[in-house]
Amino acid sequence: MRYGMMFMAAAVAFAGVASAAPAANAKKLSPEELAARRSAALARTGGTVSIPGEGRMAFLNCQSRVPHEVVEKFGQTFGDGLSIGVSCAKEVGFSISGAESVVKRHACGIGVFVIDDAALPISLISPEAGWGAVNVAALATDGPDAARLARRFRLECQRVSSLVASGCCSQYKGSVLQPVRTIADLDDLVGETYTVDTLLSSKRSLKAFGITPARKMTYLRACTEGVAPAPTNEYQKAIWDKVHAVPKNPMKIEFDPKKGK
């Protein structure tokens, strides 16, 4: 195993040297040559465009122990991390029986309630109804200061948001989606973000709830997928016209009386 790792390290180092060598001897392009290359790339692809995702997740705040601005900031950071739409709103109260109707009222794919109820556990998860709940009362039983409580809230909110969407636990130790049974386990988590395995799993599973991430792609690809916005320059206009042009020689299907009955 040790020699295998040494071999891999040597291979990576060699690859780095090999890839760096041509760059050192590469010809420096003039401003005119750079402009010509950019124009050619734009003519070929139309440049890069951002395609908005569909659906959203809502964070529904039913408590005041954790400041509302902390909930809002978490929601924005969470949405940016997954490139999905997120909203944050205040709710008067929470009940298990009425949670699904509240989610439907907010017209969101998934609703995550932030509650304060000493009679309930740290989290509640109902994937079939599209909602979950993070209970700050259960996160504050040992009297943490505001900063520690806010971190626990962020960690548990990420966990609940993923698990409601049927996301997976991570194979990487210290990930936010490691198995957690106690507050101490939560405090021991190293990171506050998804790892690669859980990120991919969450994006796939969110699709079942009508939530898809925003994407960046070339204008050419957006046209071929049928999601391109109206063209904004001559390059995009040319690509749009080409993709949507009616074929000069459309396929003709001869009528067969025997099959037409």
C-alpha atoms as a PDB file:
ATOM      1  CA  MET A   1       0.000   0.000   0.000  1.00  0.00           C
ATOM      2  CA  ARG A   2       2.837   2.396   0.934  1.00  0.00           C
ATOM      3  CA  TYR A   3       4.624   1.836  -2.376  1.00  0.00           C
ATOM      4  CA  GLY A   4       1.372   2.208  -4.280  1.00  0.00           C
ATOM      5  CA  MET A   5       0.787   5.598  -2.690  1.00  0.00           C
ATOM      6  CA  MET A   6       4.385   6.627  -3.450  1.00  0.00           C
ATOM      7  CA  PHE A   7       3.872   5.605  -7.083  1.00  0.00           C
ATOM      8  CA  MET A   8       0.649   7.613  -7.323  1.00  0.00           C
ATOM      9  CA  ALA A   9       2.333  10.674  -5.803  1.00  0.00           C
ATOM     10  CA  ALA A  10       5.223  10.377  -8.263  1.00  0.00           C
ATOM     11  CA  ALA A  11       2.804  10.014 -11.170  1.00  0.00           C
ATOM     12  CA  VAL A  12       0.881  13.119 -10.110  1.00  0.00           C
ATOM     13  CA  ALA A  13       4.119  15.094  -9.744  1.00  0.00           C
ATOM     14  CA  PHE A  14       5.311  13.947 -13.174  1.00  0.00           C
ATOM     15  CA  ALA A  15       1.984  14.864 -14.726  1.00  0.00           C
ATOM     16  CA  GLY A  16       2.222  18.308 -13.173  1.00  0.00           C
ATOM     17  CA  VAL A  17       5.717  18.845 -14.608  1.00  0.00           C
ATOM     18  CA  ALA A  18       4.697  17.501 -17.994  1.00  0.00           C
ATOM     19  CA  SER A  19       1.638  19.732 -18.194  1.00  0.00           C
ATOM     20  CA  ALA A  20       3.578  22.779 -17.013  1.00  0.00           C
ATOM     21  CA  ALA A  21       6.375  22.380 -19.574  1.00  0.00           C
ATOM     22  CA  PRO A  22       4.373  23.268 -22.723  1.00  0.00           C
ATOM     23  CA  ALA A  23       2.822  26.243 -20.929  1.00  0.00           C
ATOM     24  CA  ALA A  24       6.282  27.689 -20.226  1.00  0.00           C
ATOM     25  CA  ASN A  25       7.214  27.494 -23.913  1.00  0.00           C
ATOM     26  CA  ALA A  26       3.814  28.505 -25.279  1.00  0.00           C
ATOM     27  CA  LYS A  27       3.696  31.403 -27.689  1.00  0.00           C
ATOM     28  CA  LYS A  28       2.242  34.554 -26.206  1.00  0.00           C
ATOM     29  CA  LEU A  29      -0.760  35.604 -28.247  1.00  0.00           C
ATOM     30  CA  SER A  30      -1.203  39.184 -29.361  1.00  0.00           C
ATOM     31  CA  PRO A  31      -4.359  41.114 -28.370  1.00  0.00           C
ATOM     32  CA  GLU A  32      -5.616  40.695 -31.928  1.00  0.00           C
ATOM     33  CA  GLU A  33      -5.096  36.920 -31.834  1.00  0.00           C
ATOM     34  CA  LEU A  34      -6.852  36.669 -28.481  1.00  0.00           C
ATOM     35  CA  ALA A  35      -9.786  38.702 -29.814  1.00  0.00           C
ATOM     36  CA  ALA A  36      -9.999  36.464 -32.885  1.00  0.00           C
ATOM     37  CA  ARG A  37     -10.072  33.331 -30.720  1.00  0.00           C
ATOM     38  CA  ARG A  38     -12.786  34.786 -28.508  1.00  0.00           C
ATOM     39  CA  SER A  39     -14.860  35.688 -31.544  1.00  0.00           C
ATOM     40  CA  ALA A  40     -14.437  32.186 -32.977  1.00  0.00           C
ATOM     41  CA  ALA A  41     -15.503  30.635 -29.672  1.00  0.00           C
ATOM     42  CA  LEU A  42     -18.546  32.919 -29.460  1.00  0.00           C
ATOM     43  CA  ALA A  43     -19.507  32.108 -33.033  1.00  0.00           C
ATOM     44  CA  ARG A  44     -19.256  28.396 -32.299  1.00  0.00           C
ATOM     45  CA  THR A  45     -21.003  28.270 -28.891  1.00  0.00           C
ATOM     46  CA  GLY A  46     -22.750  31.616 -28.352  1.00  0.00           C
ATOM     47  CA  GLY A  47     -21.004  32.007 -25.001  1.00  0.00           C
ATOM     48  CA  THR A  48     -22.223  30.834 -21.606  1.00  0.00           C
ATOM     49  CA  VAL A  49     -25.716  31.453 -20.263  1.00  0.00           C
ATOM     50  CA  SER A  50     -27.354  30.723 -16.891  1.00  0.00           C
ATOM     51  CA  ILE A  51     -30.554  28.692 -16.980  1.00  0.00           C
ATOM     52  CA  PRO A  52     -32.722  29.107 -13.853  1.00  0.00           C
ATOM     53  CA  GLY A  53     -33.786  26.021 -11.958  1.00  0.00           C
ATOM     54  CA  GLU A  54     -37.358  25.076 -11.095  1.00  0.00           C
ATOM     55  CA  GLY A  55     -39.147  24.856  -7.760  1.00  0.00           C
ATOM     56  CA  ARG A  56     -37.798  25.935  -4.385  1.00  0.00           C
ATOM     57  CA  MET A  57     -37.312  24.982  -0.765  1.00  0.00           C
ATOM     58  CA  ALA A  58     -38.854  27.116   1.988  1.00  0.00           C
ATOM     59  CA  PHE A  59     -37.510  27.636   5.508  1.00  0.00           C
ATOM     60  CA  LEU A  60     -40.493  28.397   7.739  1.00  0.00           C
ATOM     61  CA  ASN A  61     -39.505  30.044  11.013  1.00  0.00           C
ATOM     62  CA  CYS A  62     -41.890  29.377  13.916  1.00  0.00           C
ATOM     63  CA  GLN A  63     -39.608  30.474  16.790  1.00  0.00           C
ATOM     64  CA  SER A  64     -37.563  33.380  18.112  1.00  0.00           C
ATOM     65  CA  ARG A  65     -34.768  31.706  20.101  1.00  0.00           C
ATOM     66  CA  VAL A  66     -32.541  31.713  16.995  1.00  0.00           C
ATOM     67  CA  PRO A  67     -32.788  35.177  15.358  1.00  0.00           C
ATOM     68  CA  HIS A  68     -34.775  35.288  12.127  1.00  0.00           C
ATOM     69  CA  GLU A  69     -31.831  36.855  10.289  1.00  0.00           C
ATOM     70  CA  VAL A  70     -29.753  33.761  11.138  1.00  0.00           C
ATOM     71  CA  VAL A  71     -32.447  31.574   9.582  1.00  0.00           C
ATOM     72  CA  GLU A  72     -32.581  33.824   6.518  1.00  0.00           C
ATOM     73  CA  LYS A  73     -28.799  33.836   6.083  1.00  0.00           C
ATOM     74  CA  PHE A  74     -28.663  30.064   6.370  1.00  0.00           C
ATOM     75  CA  GLY A  75     -31.392  29.688   3.746  1.00  0.00           C
ATOM     76  CA  GLN A  76     -29.546  31.948   1.314  1.00  0.00           C
ATOM     77  CA  THR A  77     -26.234  30.130   1.849  1.00  0.00           C
ATOM     78  CA  PHE A  78     -27.909  26.738   1.514  1.00  0.00           C
ATOM     79  CA  GLY A  79     -29.633  27.745  -1.728  1.00  0.00           C
ATOM     80  CA  ASP A  80     -26.431  29.174  -3.187  1.00  0.00           C
ATOM     81  CA  GLY A  81     -24.548  25.982  -2.333  1.00  0.00           C
ATOM     82  CA  LEU A  82     -27.008  23.788  -4.223  1.00  0.00           C
ATOM     83  CA  SER A  83     -27.900  26.435  -6.857  1.00  0.00           C
ATOM     84  CA  ILE A  84     -31.589  26.037  -6.011  1.00  0.00           C
ATOM     85  CA  GLY A  85     -34.354  28.496  -5.235  1.00  0.00           C
ATOM     86  CA  VAL A  86     -34.932  29.148  -1.519  1.00  0.00           C
ATOM     87  CA  SER A  87     -37.355  31.344   0.394  1.00  0.00           C
ATOM     88  CA  CYS A  88     -37.657  32.165   4.094  1.00  0.00           C
ATOM     89  CA  ALA A  89     -40.843  33.168   5.906  1.00  0.00           C
ATOM     90  CA  LYS A  90     -42.203  33.518   9.422  1.00  0.00           C
ATOM     91  CA  GLU A  91     -44.986  31.218  10.577  1.00  0.00           C
ATOM     92  CA  VAL A  92     -47.140  31.629  13.689  1.00  0.00           C
ATOM     93  CA  GLY A  93     -46.874  28.040  14.883  1.00  0.00           C
ATOM     94  CA  PHE A  94     -46.222  24.424  14.009  1.00  0.00           C
ATOM     95  CA  SER A  95     -48.241  21.220  14.245  1.00  0.00           C
ATOM     96  CA  ILE A  96     -47.477  17.817  12.802  1.00  0.00           C
ATOM     97  CA  SER A  97     -51.016  17.427  11.500  1.00  0.00           C
ATOM     98  CA  GLY A  98     -51.020  20.809   9.765  1.00  0.00           C
ATOM     99  CA  ALA A  99     -47.455  20.894   8.416  1.00  0.00           C
ATOM    100  CA  GLU A 100     -48.263  19.479   4.974  1.00  0.00           C
ATOM    101  CA  SER A 101     -50.988  22.063   4.331  1.00  0.00           C
ATOM    102  CA  VAL A 102     -48.587  24.886   5.296  1.00  0.00           C
ATOM    103  CA  VAL A 103     -46.026  23.586   2.782  1.00  0.00           C
ATOM    104  CA  LYS A 104     -48.708  23.524   0.079  1.00  0.00           C
ATOM    105  CA  ARG A 105     -49.765  27.067   0.985  1.00  0.00           C
ATOM    106  CA  HIS A 106     -46.204  28.272   0.435  1.00  0.00           C
ATOM    107  CA  ALA A 107     -46.147  26.460  -2.941  1.00  0.00           C
ATOM    108  CA  CYS A 108     -42.719  24.950  -2.299  1.00  0.00           C
ATOM    109  CA  GLY A 109     -41.356  21.505  -3.050  1.00  0.00           C
ATOM    110  CA  ILE A 110     -40.006  21.061   0.486  1.00  0.00           C
ATOM    111  CA  GLY A 111     -40.681  23.005   3.671  1.00  0.00           C
ATOM    112  CA  VAL A 112     -38.269  22.985   6.619  1.00  0.00           C
ATOM    113  CA  PHE A 113     -39.837  24.287   9.841  1.00  0.00           C
ATOM    114  CA  VAL A 114     -37.698  25.862  12.552  1.00  0.00           C
ATOM    115  CA  ILE A 115     -39.539  25.250  15.826  1.00  0.00           C
ATOM    116  CA  ASP A 116     -39.073  25.646  19.580  1.00  0.00           C
ATOM    117  CA  ASP A 117     -40.854  22.865  21.456  1.00  0.00           C
ATOM    118  CA  ALA A 118     -39.378  21.156  24.551  1.00  0.00           C
ATOM    119  CA  ALA A 119     -41.702  18.164  24.046  1.00  0.00           C
ATOM    120  CA  LEU A 120     -40.308  17.262  20.615  1.00  0.00           C
ATOM    121  CA  PRO A 121     -36.959  15.740  19.519  1.00  0.00           C
ATOM    122  CA  ILE A 122     -34.129  17.530  17.704  1.00  0.00           C
ATOM    123  CA  SER A 123     -35.603  16.798  14.287  1.00  0.00           C
ATOM    124  CA  LEU A 124     -38.733  15.528  12.589  1.00  0.00           C
ATOM    125  CA  ILE A 125     -38.664  14.231   9.021  1.00  0.00           C
ATOM    126  CA  SER A 126     -41.606  13.432   6.752  1.00  0.00           C
ATOM    127  CA  PRO A 127     -40.319  12.806   3.207  1.00  0.00           C
ATOM    128  CA  GLU A 128     -43.701  11.547   1.986  1.00  0.00           C
ATOM    129  CA  ALA A 129     -45.295  14.887   2.941  1.00  0.00           C
ATOM    130  CA  GLY A 130     -42.322  17.001   1.843  1.00  0.00           C
ATOM    131  CA  TRP A 131     -41.470  18.601   5.175  1.00  0.00           C
ATOM    132  CA  GLY A 132     -39.011  18.427   8.046  1.00  0.00           C
ATOM    133  CA  ALA A 133     -38.518  20.312  11.306  1.00  0.00           C
ATOM    134  CA  VAL A 134     -35.494  21.469  13.298  1.00  0.00           C
ATOM    135  CA  ASN A 135     -36.218  21.924  16.999  1.00  0.00           C
ATOM    136  CA  VAL A 136     -33.963  24.569  18.573  1.00  0.00           C
ATOM    137  CA  ALA A 137     -35.319  23.776  22.056  1.00  0.00           C
ATOM    138  CA  ALA A 138     -33.719  20.328  21.880  1.00  0.00           C
ATOM    139  CA  LEU A 139     -30.500  21.925  20.608  1.00  0.00           C
ATOM    140  CA  ALA A 140     -30.333  24.241  23.637  1.00  0.00           C
ATOM    141  CA  THR A 141     -30.853  21.818  26.552  1.00  0.00           C
ATOM    142  CA  ASP A 142     -27.291  22.370  27.859  1.00  0.00           C
ATOM    143  CA  GLY A 143     -27.517  26.181  27.710  1.00  0.00           C
ATOM    144  CA  PRO A 144     -25.156  26.938  24.798  1.00  0.00           C
ATOM    145  CA  ASP A 145     -24.183  30.506  23.960  1.00  0.00           C
ATOM    146  CA  ALA A 146     -25.718  32.171  20.887  1.00  0.00           C
ATOM    147  CA  ALA A 147     -22.830  31.280  18.571  1.00  0.00           C
ATOM    148  CA  ARG A 148     -22.843  27.583  19.505  1.00  0.00           C
ATOM    149  CA  LEU A 149     -26.631  27.370  19.206  1.00  0.00           C
ATOM    150  CA  ALA A 150     -26.513  29.064  15.790  1.00  0.00           C
ATOM    151  CA  ARG A 151     -23.915  26.537  14.584  1.00  0.00           C
ATOM    152  CA  ARG A 152     -25.991  23.625  15.825  1.00  0.00           C
ATOM    153  CA  PHE A 153     -28.990  25.079  14.036  1.00  0.00           C
ATOM    154  CA  ARG A 154     -27.073  25.391  10.754  1.00  0.00           C
ATOM    155  CA  LEU A 155     -25.751  21.844  10.981  1.00  0.00           C
ATOM    156  CA  GLU A 156     -29.102  20.282  11.833  1.00  0.00           C
ATOM    157  CA  CYS A 157     -30.886  22.355   9.189  1.00  0.00           C
ATOM    158  CA  GLN A 158     -28.561  21.003   6.518  1.00  0.00           C
ATOM    159  CA  ARG A 159     -29.084  17.477   7.756  1.00  0.00           C
ATOM    160  CA  VAL A 160     -32.874  17.727   7.861  1.00  0.00           C
ATOM    161  CA  SER A 161     -33.069  19.472   4.480  1.00  0.00           C
ATOM    162  CA  SER A 162     -31.131  16.651   2.848  1.00  0.00           C
ATOM    163  CA  LEU A 163     -32.833  13.782   4.654  1.00  0.00           C
ATOM    164  CA  VAL A 164     -36.328  15.060   3.832  1.00  0.00           C
ATOM    165  CA  ALA A 165     -35.325  14.881   0.175  1.00  0.00           C
ATOM    166  CA  SER A 166     -34.145  11.279   0.718  1.00  0.00           C
ATOM    167  CA  GLY A 167     -30.488  12.256   0.498  1.00  0.00           C
ATOM    168  CA  CYS A 168     -27.784   9.883   1.704  1.00  0.00           C
ATOM    169  CA  CYS A 169     -25.400   9.820   4.642  1.00  0.00           C
ATOM    170  CA  SER A 170     -21.797  10.594   3.718  1.00  0.00           C
ATOM    171  CA  GLN A 171     -18.939   8.134   3.523  1.00  0.00           C
ATOM    172  CA  TYR A 172     -16.516  10.854   4.659  1.00  0.00           C
ATOM    173  CA  LYS A 173     -15.815  11.211   8.369  1.00  0.00           C
ATOM    174  CA  GLY A 174     -16.663  14.669   9.693  1.00  0.00           C
ATOM    175  CA  SER A 175     -19.219  15.422   6.971  1.00  0.00           C
ATOM    176  CA  VAL A 176     -22.367  17.226   8.028  1.00  0.00           C
ATOM    177  CA  LEU A 177     -24.290  14.110   6.997  1.00  0.00           C
ATOM    178  CA  GLN A 178     -22.525  11.657   9.275  1.00  0.00           C
ATOM    179  CA  PRO A 179     -24.768   9.679  11.640  1.00  0.00           C
ATOM    180  CA  VAL A 180     -25.689  11.863  14.640  1.00  0.00           C
ATOM    181  CA  ARG A 181     -27.540  10.677  17.752  1.00  0.00           C
ATOM    182  CA  THR A 182     -26.665  13.310  20.354  1.00  0.00           C
ATOM    183  CA  ILE A 183     -25.871  17.006  20.595  1.00  0.00           C
ATOM    184  CA  ALA A 184     -22.257  16.037  21.296  1.00  0.00           C
ATOM    185  CA  ASP A 185     -22.161  14.162  17.970  1.00  0.00           C
ATOM    186  CA  LEU A 186     -23.467  17.295  16.277  1.00  0.00           C
ATOM    187  CA  ASP A 187     -20.794  19.472  17.908  1.00  0.00           C
ATOM    188  CA  ASP A 188     -18.099  17.014  16.757  1.00  0.00           C
ATOM    189  CA  LEU A 189     -18.933  17.512  13.074  1.00  0.00           C
ATOM    190  CA  VAL A 190     -16.025  19.272  11.396  1.00  0.00           C
ATOM    191  CA  GLY A 191     -17.542  20.867   8.310  1.00  0.00           C
ATOM    192  CA  GLU A 192     -20.766  22.735   7.675  1.00  0.00           C
ATOM    193  CA  THR A 193     -21.184  21.904   3.999  1.00  0.00           C
ATOM    194  CA  TYR A 194     -21.983  18.920   1.837  1.00  0.00           C
ATOM    195  CA  THR A 195     -19.241  16.632   0.604  1.00  0.00           C
ATOM    196  CA  VAL A 196     -19.178  15.512  -3.026  1.00  0.00           C
ATOM    197  CA  ASP A 197     -21.150  12.313  -2.474  1.00  0.00           C
ATOM    198  CA  THR A 198     -23.973  13.976  -0.551  1.00  0.00           C
ATOM    199  CA  LEU A 199     -24.042  16.987  -2.855  1.00  0.00           C
ATOM    200  CA  LEU A 200     -24.674  14.819  -5.909  1.00  0.00           C
ATOM    201  CA  SER A 201     -27.190  12.664  -4.045  1.00  0.00           C
ATOM    202  CA  SER A 202     -29.127  15.694  -2.794  1.00  0.00           C
ATOM    203  CA  LYS A 203     -29.338  17.300  -6.228  1.00  0.00           C
ATOM    204  CA  ARG A 204     -30.678  14.064  -7.705  1.00  0.00           C
ATOM    205  CA  SER A 205     -33.198  13.471  -4.929  1.00  0.00           C
ATOM    206  CA  LEU A 206     -34.493  17.058  -4.930  1.00  0.00           C
ATOM    207  CA  LYS A 207     -35.700  16.551  -8.490  1.00  0.00           C
ATOM    208  CA  ALA A 208     -38.435  14.221  -7.184  1.00  0.00           C
ATOM    209  CA  PHE A 209     -39.842  17.229  -5.290  1.00  0.00           C
ATOM    210  CA  GLY A 210     -39.824  19.465  -8.377  1.00  0.00           C
ATOM    211  CA  ILE A 211     -36.650  21.284  -7.314  1.00  0.00           C
ATOM    212  CA  THR A 212     -33.891  21.488  -9.904  1.00  0.00           C
ATOM    213  CA  PRO A 213     -30.672  23.548  -9.720  1.00  0.00           C
ATOM    214  CA  ALA A 214     -29.760  26.440 -11.964  1.00  0.00           C
ATOM    215  CA  ARG A 215     -27.288  25.445 -14.666  1.00  0.00           C
ATOM    216  CA  LYS A 216     -24.617  27.130 -16.744  1.00  0.00           C
ATOM    217  CA  MET A 217     -24.149  25.939 -20.303  1.00  0.00           C
ATOM    218  CA  THR A 218     -23.263  27.171 -23.759  1.00  0.00           C
ATOM    219  CA  TYR A 219     -25.971  28.972 -25.685  1.00  0.00           C
ATOM    220  CA  LEU A 220     -25.741  26.279 -28.346  1.00  0.00           C
ATOM    221  CA  ARG A 221     -26.556  23.541 -25.855  1.00  0.00           C
ATOM    222  CA  ALA A 222     -29.370  25.599 -24.346  1.00  0.00           C
ATOM    223  CA  CYS A 223     -30.891  25.956 -27.820  1.00  0.00           C
ATOM    224  CA  THR A 224     -30.656  22.239 -28.545  1.00  0.00           C
ATOM    225  CA  GLU A 225     -32.265  21.459 -25.158  1.00  0.00           C
ATOM    226  CA  GLY A 226     -35.029  23.987 -25.799  1.00  0.00           C
ATOM    227  CA  VAL A 227     -34.289  26.099 -22.708  1.00  0.00           C
ATOM    228  CA  ALA A 228     -32.383  29.016 -24.261  1.00  0.00           C
ATOM    229  CA  PRO A 229     -33.495  32.599 -23.589  1.00  0.00           C
ATOM    230  CA  ALA A 230     -33.961  34.971 -26.518  1.00  0.00           C
ATOM    231  CA  PRO A 231     -30.634  35.829 -28.206  1.00  0.00           C
ATOM    232  CA  THR A 232     -28.850  38.981 -27.041  1.00  0.00           C
ATOM    233  CA  ASN A 233     -26.115  39.313 -29.680  1.00  0.00           C
ATOM    234  CA  GLU A 234     -25.342  38.418 -33.294  1.00  0.00           C
ATOM    235  CA  TYR A 235     -23.574  35.181 -32.366  1.00  0.00           C
ATOM    236  CA  GLN A 236     -26.515  33.889 -30.357  1.00  0.00           C
ATOM    237  CA  LYS A 237     -28.950  35.050 -33.045  1.00  0.00           C
ATOM    238  CA  ALA A 238     -27.101  33.025 -35.679  1.00  0.00           C
ATOM    239  CA  ILE A 239     -27.125  29.918 -33.471  1.00  0.00           C
ATOM    240  CA  TRP A 240     -30.805  30.405 -32.600  1.00  0.00           C
ATOM    241  CA  ASP A 241     -31.771  30.701 -36.278  1.00  0.00           C
ATOM    242  CA  LYS A 242     -29.717  27.646 -37.227  1.00  0.00           C
ATOM    243  CA  VAL A 243     -31.145  25.408 -34.501  1.00  0.00           C
ATOM    244  CA  HIS A 244     -34.737  26.511 -35.110  1.00  0.00           C
ATOM    245  CA  ALA A 245     -34.564  26.608 -38.903  1.00  0.00           C
ATOM    246  CA  VAL A 246     -37.048  24.510 -40.849  1.00  0.00           C
ATOM    247  CA  PRO A 247     -35.204  21.748 -42.777  1.00  0.00           C
ATOM    248  CA  LYS A 248     -34.723  22.550 -46.449  1.00  0.00           C
ATOM    249  CA  ASN A 249     -35.558  18.987 -47.408  1.00  0.00           C
ATOM    250  CA  PRO A 250     -38.068  17.749 -44.830  1.00  0.00           C
ATOM    251  CA  MET A 251     -38.706  14.037 -44.682  1.00  0.00           C
ATOM    252  CA  LYS A 252     -41.744  12.970 -46.675  1.00  0.00           C
ATOM    253  CA  ILE A 253     -43.895  10.016 -45.742  1.00  0.00           C
ATOM    254  CA  GLU A 254     -45.872   8.459 -48.558  1.00  0.00           C
ATOM    255  CA  PHE A 255     -49.415   7.465 -47.721  1.00  0.00           C
ATOM    256  CA  ASP A 256     -49.940   3.712 -47.753  1.00  0.00           C
ATOM    257  CA  PRO A 257     -53.641   2.854 -48.287  1.00  0.00           C
ATOM    258  CA  LYS A 258     -53.107  -0.589 -46.753  1.00  0.00           C
ATOM    259  CA  LYS A 259     -51.828   0.904 -43.502  1.00  0.00           C
ATOM    260  CA  GLY A 260     -54.204   3.840 -43.510  1.00  0.00           C
ATOM    261  CA  LYS A 261     -57.306   1.844 -42.682  1.00  0.00           C
END
